[in-house]
Amino acid sequence: MPGSVLFCCTMNSIRSPMAEGILKSLFPRQVFADSVGLRKGQLDPMAVEVMDEIGLDITRHKPKTFDELEDSSFDLIITLSPEAHHRALEMTRTMSCDVEFWNTFDPSIVEGSREQRLSSYREVRDTLMQRIRKRFPKFGTQGG
């Protein structure tokens, strides 16, 4: 079990905050989790809404970039977009850290009704939950 995990995506506004929130809920004291993006976005209200549906509050999340990381020492970096994966690999050239690529759909590109759009956010949330539980099976039943 890694002691610290960094989730990375493009704007740190949907996918990586969701993953960070899920991991923190499952392992509140066992793992330090953080998230960043290539570019700084704004926390997506639909991401907040679908996380709230499962009892997770991510409203205090403040999107940040790789350059704004206070600590760059992580045991594991999980990238959720191809662009973020490339940046994480560059970052880890000078540090000992595992990097995993979990290509994760960007729900913000879905068009349609509000419910259709929310459905795509829920799908991303649920996929991240499944992947996190699978990746960390020893502890995946705690707290969540």
C-alpha atoms as a PDB file:
ATOM      1  CA  MET A   1       0.000   0.000   0.000  1.00  0.00           C
ATOM      2  CA  PRO A   2       1.569   3.301  -1.006  1.00  0.00           C
ATOM      3  CA  GLY A   3       1.775   5.965   1.667  1.00  0.00           C
ATOM      4  CA  SER A   4       1.074   8.780  -0.779  1.00  0.00           C
ATOM      5  CA  VAL A   5      -0.794   8.922  -4.093  1.00  0.00           C
ATOM      6  CA  LEU A   6      -1.068  11.751  -6.605  1.00  0.00           C
ATOM      7  CA  PHE A   7      -3.899  11.751  -9.156  1.00  0.00           C
ATOM      8  CA  CYS A   8      -3.347  13.817 -12.309  1.00  0.00           C
ATOM      9  CA  CYS A   9      -5.600  14.913 -15.136  1.00  0.00           C
ATOM     10  CA  THR A  10      -5.894  17.825 -17.509  1.00  0.00           C
ATOM     11  CA  MET A  11      -7.476  20.607 -15.407  1.00  0.00           C
ATOM     12  CA  ASN A  12      -7.842  19.165 -11.880  1.00  0.00           C
ATOM     13  CA  SER A  13     -11.535  19.999 -11.982  1.00  0.00           C
ATOM     14  CA  ILE A  14     -13.373  16.670 -12.464  1.00  0.00           C
ATOM     15  CA  ARG A  15     -11.528  13.350 -12.693  1.00  0.00           C
ATOM     16  CA  SER A  16      -8.568  13.835 -10.359  1.00  0.00           C
ATOM     17  CA  PRO A  17     -10.591  15.572  -7.602  1.00  0.00           C
ATOM     18  CA  MET A  18     -13.099  12.707  -7.767  1.00  0.00           C
ATOM     19  CA  ALA A  19     -10.326  10.119  -7.473  1.00  0.00           C
ATOM     20  CA  GLU A  20      -8.658  12.044  -4.646  1.00  0.00           C
ATOM     21  CA  GLY A  21     -11.959  12.281  -2.776  1.00  0.00           C
ATOM     22  CA  ILE A  22     -12.690   8.586  -3.205  1.00  0.00           C
ATOM     23  CA  LEU A  23      -9.247   7.480  -2.038  1.00  0.00           C
ATOM     24  CA  LYS A  24      -9.394   9.806   0.968  1.00  0.00           C
ATOM     25  CA  SER A  25     -12.803   8.420   1.922  1.00  0.00           C
ATOM     26  CA  LEU A  26     -11.598   4.824   1.725  1.00  0.00           C
ATOM     27  CA  PHE A  27      -8.298   5.394   3.544  1.00  0.00           C
ATOM     28  CA  PRO A  28      -8.616   8.570   5.615  1.00  0.00           C
ATOM     29  CA  ARG A  29      -5.544   7.907   7.746  1.00  0.00           C
ATOM     30  CA  GLN A  30      -3.637   5.272   5.789  1.00  0.00           C
ATOM     31  CA  VAL A  31      -2.811   7.183   2.607  1.00  0.00           C
ATOM     32  CA  PHE A  32      -2.021  10.792   1.762  1.00  0.00           C
ATOM     33  CA  ALA A  33      -3.860  11.680  -1.460  1.00  0.00           C
ATOM     34  CA  ASP A  34      -3.562  14.770  -3.610  1.00  0.00           C
ATOM     35  CA  SER A  35      -4.404  15.775  -7.172  1.00  0.00           C
ATOM     36  CA  VAL A  36      -3.195  18.162  -9.860  1.00  0.00           C
ATOM     37  CA  GLY A  37      -3.792  19.113 -13.473  1.00  0.00           C
ATOM     38  CA  LEU A  38      -1.728  20.347 -16.365  1.00  0.00           C
ATOM     39  CA  ARG A  39      -3.730  23.531 -16.354  1.00  0.00           C
ATOM     40  CA  LYS A  40      -5.703  25.043 -13.502  1.00  0.00           C
ATOM     41  CA  GLY A  41      -9.436  24.769 -14.016  1.00  0.00           C
ATOM     42  CA  GLN A  42     -12.372  25.445 -11.733  1.00  0.00           C
ATOM     43  CA  LEU A  43     -14.000  22.711  -9.712  1.00  0.00           C
ATOM     44  CA  ASP A  44     -16.837  21.406 -11.869  1.00  0.00           C
ATOM     45  CA  PRO A  45     -20.287  21.725 -10.214  1.00  0.00           C
ATOM     46  CA  MET A  46     -21.464  18.462 -11.763  1.00  0.00           C
ATOM     47  CA  ALA A  47     -18.485  16.642 -10.262  1.00  0.00           C
ATOM     48  CA  VAL A  48     -19.429  18.099  -6.881  1.00  0.00           C
ATOM     49  CA  GLU A  49     -23.043  16.999  -7.377  1.00  0.00           C
ATOM     50  CA  VAL A  50     -22.324  13.369  -8.311  1.00  0.00           C
ATOM     51  CA  MET A  51     -19.816  12.991  -5.496  1.00  0.00           C
ATOM     52  CA  ASP A  52     -22.394  14.390  -3.068  1.00  0.00           C
ATOM     53  CA  GLU A  53     -24.789  11.678  -4.263  1.00  0.00           C
ATOM     54  CA  ILE A  54     -22.495   9.077  -2.677  1.00  0.00           C
ATOM     55  CA  GLY A  55     -21.864  11.135   0.442  1.00  0.00           C
ATOM     56  CA  LEU A  56     -18.492  12.623  -0.511  1.00  0.00           C
ATOM     57  CA  ASP A  57     -17.947  16.369  -0.218  1.00  0.00           C
ATOM     58  CA  ILE A  58     -15.277  17.731  -2.569  1.00  0.00           C
ATOM     59  CA  THR A  59     -16.351  21.374  -2.325  1.00  0.00           C
ATOM     60  CA  ARG A  60     -13.162  22.334  -0.461  1.00  0.00           C
ATOM     61  CA  HIS A  61     -10.980  21.115  -3.325  1.00  0.00           C
ATOM     62  CA  LYS A  62      -8.883  23.879  -4.859  1.00  0.00           C
ATOM     63  CA  PRO A  63      -7.649  23.000  -8.382  1.00  0.00           C
ATOM     64  CA  LYS A  64      -3.892  23.309  -8.845  1.00  0.00           C
ATOM     65  CA  THR A  65      -1.193  22.534 -11.369  1.00  0.00           C
ATOM     66  CA  PHE A  66       1.925  20.386 -11.161  1.00  0.00           C
ATOM     67  CA  ASP A  67       3.937  23.554 -10.550  1.00  0.00           C
ATOM     68  CA  GLU A  68       1.821  24.391  -7.494  1.00  0.00           C
ATOM     69  CA  LEU A  69       2.451  21.102  -5.687  1.00  0.00           C
ATOM     70  CA  GLU A  70       3.737  21.740  -2.191  1.00  0.00           C
ATOM     71  CA  ASP A  71       5.276  18.270  -1.989  1.00  0.00           C
ATOM     72  CA  SER A  72       6.418  16.368  -5.065  1.00  0.00           C
ATOM     73  CA  SER A  73       7.429  13.211  -3.242  1.00  0.00           C
ATOM     74  CA  PHE A  74       4.837  10.489  -3.882  1.00  0.00           C
ATOM     75  CA  ASP A  75       4.958   6.702  -3.818  1.00  0.00           C
ATOM     76  CA  LEU A  76       2.495   6.395  -6.684  1.00  0.00           C
ATOM     77  CA  ILE A  77       1.228   8.742  -9.380  1.00  0.00           C
ATOM     78  CA  ILE A  78      -1.955   7.751 -11.187  1.00  0.00           C
ATOM     79  CA  THR A  79      -2.599   9.667 -14.379  1.00  0.00           C
ATOM     80  CA  LEU A  80      -6.103   9.935 -15.801  1.00  0.00           C
ATOM     81  CA  SER A  81      -5.416  11.615 -19.159  1.00  0.00           C
ATOM     82  CA  PRO A  82      -2.698  11.082 -21.793  1.00  0.00           C
ATOM     83  CA  GLU A  83      -1.399  14.645 -21.397  1.00  0.00           C
ATOM     84  CA  ALA A  84      -1.109  14.296 -17.636  1.00  0.00           C
ATOM     85  CA  HIS A  85       0.649  10.957 -18.066  1.00  0.00           C
ATOM     86  CA  HIS A  86       3.321  12.561 -20.220  1.00  0.00           C
ATOM     87  CA  ARG A  87       3.863  15.322 -17.641  1.00  0.00           C
ATOM     88  CA  ALA A  88       4.033  12.819 -14.756  1.00  0.00           C
ATOM     89  CA  LEU A  89       6.673  10.779 -16.575  1.00  0.00           C
ATOM     90  CA  GLU A  90       8.743  13.934 -17.043  1.00  0.00           C
ATOM     91  CA  MET A  91       8.378  14.732 -13.340  1.00  0.00           C
ATOM     92  CA  THR A  92       9.483  11.266 -12.243  1.00  0.00           C
ATOM     93  CA  ARG A  93      12.733  11.266 -14.225  1.00  0.00           C
ATOM     94  CA  THR A  94      14.419  12.686 -11.132  1.00  0.00           C
ATOM     95  CA  MET A  95      12.533  10.746  -8.465  1.00  0.00           C
ATOM     96  CA  SER A  96      11.768   7.183  -7.509  1.00  0.00           C
ATOM     97  CA  CYS A  97       8.044   6.809  -8.036  1.00  0.00           C
ATOM     98  CA  ASP A  98       5.686   4.427  -9.803  1.00  0.00           C
ATOM     99  CA  VAL A  99       3.394   5.888 -12.454  1.00  0.00           C
ATOM    100  CA  GLU A 100       0.199   4.197 -13.636  1.00  0.00           C
ATOM    101  CA  PHE A 101      -1.989   5.329 -16.525  1.00  0.00           C
ATOM    102  CA  TRP A 102      -5.744   4.951 -16.048  1.00  0.00           C
ATOM    103  CA  ASN A 103      -7.172   6.472 -19.222  1.00  0.00           C
ATOM    104  CA  THR A 104     -10.394   8.034 -17.935  1.00  0.00           C
ATOM    105  CA  PHE A 105     -13.134   9.574 -20.038  1.00  0.00           C
ATOM    106  CA  ASP A 106     -13.657  13.344 -19.712  1.00  0.00           C
ATOM    107  CA  PRO A 107     -17.393  13.741 -18.982  1.00  0.00           C
ATOM    108  CA  SER A 108     -17.345  17.472 -19.674  1.00  0.00           C
ATOM    109  CA  ILE A 109     -17.348  16.788 -23.425  1.00  0.00           C
ATOM    110  CA  VAL A 110     -20.771  15.082 -23.302  1.00  0.00           C
ATOM    111  CA  GLU A 111     -23.596  17.096 -24.784  1.00  0.00           C
ATOM    112  CA  GLY A 112     -27.282  16.594 -24.175  1.00  0.00           C
ATOM    113  CA  SER A 113     -29.746  17.101 -21.382  1.00  0.00           C
ATOM    114  CA  ARG A 114     -28.631  17.827 -17.854  1.00  0.00           C
ATOM    115  CA  GLU A 115     -29.510  14.254 -16.873  1.00  0.00           C
ATOM    116  CA  GLN A 116     -27.490  12.807 -19.783  1.00  0.00           C
ATOM    117  CA  ARG A 117     -24.508  14.898 -18.752  1.00  0.00           C
ATOM    118  CA  LEU A 118     -24.863  13.925 -15.076  1.00  0.00           C
ATOM    119  CA  SER A 119     -25.030  10.294 -16.146  1.00  0.00           C
ATOM    120  CA  SER A 120     -21.605  10.596 -17.796  1.00  0.00           C
ATOM    121  CA  TYR A 121     -20.172  12.125 -14.594  1.00  0.00           C
ATOM    122  CA  ARG A 122     -21.671   9.277 -12.560  1.00  0.00           C
ATOM    123  CA  GLU A 123     -20.101   6.759 -14.899  1.00  0.00           C
ATOM    124  CA  VAL A 124     -16.669   8.336 -14.414  1.00  0.00           C
ATOM    125  CA  ARG A 125     -17.176   8.451 -10.634  1.00  0.00           C
ATOM    126  CA  ASP A 126     -18.234   4.803 -10.507  1.00  0.00           C
ATOM    127  CA  THR A 127     -15.383   3.692 -12.773  1.00  0.00           C
ATOM    128  CA  LEU A 128     -12.861   5.489 -10.562  1.00  0.00           C
ATOM    129  CA  MET A 129     -14.385   3.898  -7.451  1.00  0.00           C
ATOM    130  CA  GLN A 130     -14.077   0.427  -9.005  1.00  0.00           C
ATOM    131  CA  ARG A 131     -10.505   0.990 -10.146  1.00  0.00           C
ATOM    132  CA  ILE A 132      -9.420   2.359  -6.768  1.00  0.00           C
ATOM    133  CA  ARG A 133     -11.025  -0.542  -4.926  1.00  0.00           C
ATOM    134  CA  LYS A 134      -9.373  -2.997  -7.324  1.00  0.00           C
ATOM    135  CA  ARG A 135      -5.962  -1.310  -7.115  1.00  0.00           C
ATOM    136  CA  PHE A 136      -6.049  -1.205  -3.301  1.00  0.00           C
ATOM    137  CA  PRO A 137      -7.995  -4.420  -2.488  1.00  0.00           C
ATOM    138  CA  LYS A 138      -6.623  -5.001   1.035  1.00  0.00           C
ATOM    139  CA  PHE A 139      -8.199  -1.820   2.244  1.00  0.00           C
ATOM    140  CA  GLY A 140     -11.011  -1.365  -0.270  1.00  0.00           C
ATOM    141  CA  THR A 141     -13.798  -2.287   2.124  1.00  0.00           C
ATOM    142  CA  GLN A 142     -12.954   0.267   4.819  1.00  0.00           C
ATOM    143  CA  GLY A 143     -14.996   3.406   5.127  1.00  0.00           C
ATOM    144  CA  GLY A 144     -16.782   3.173   1.853  1.00  0.00           C
END
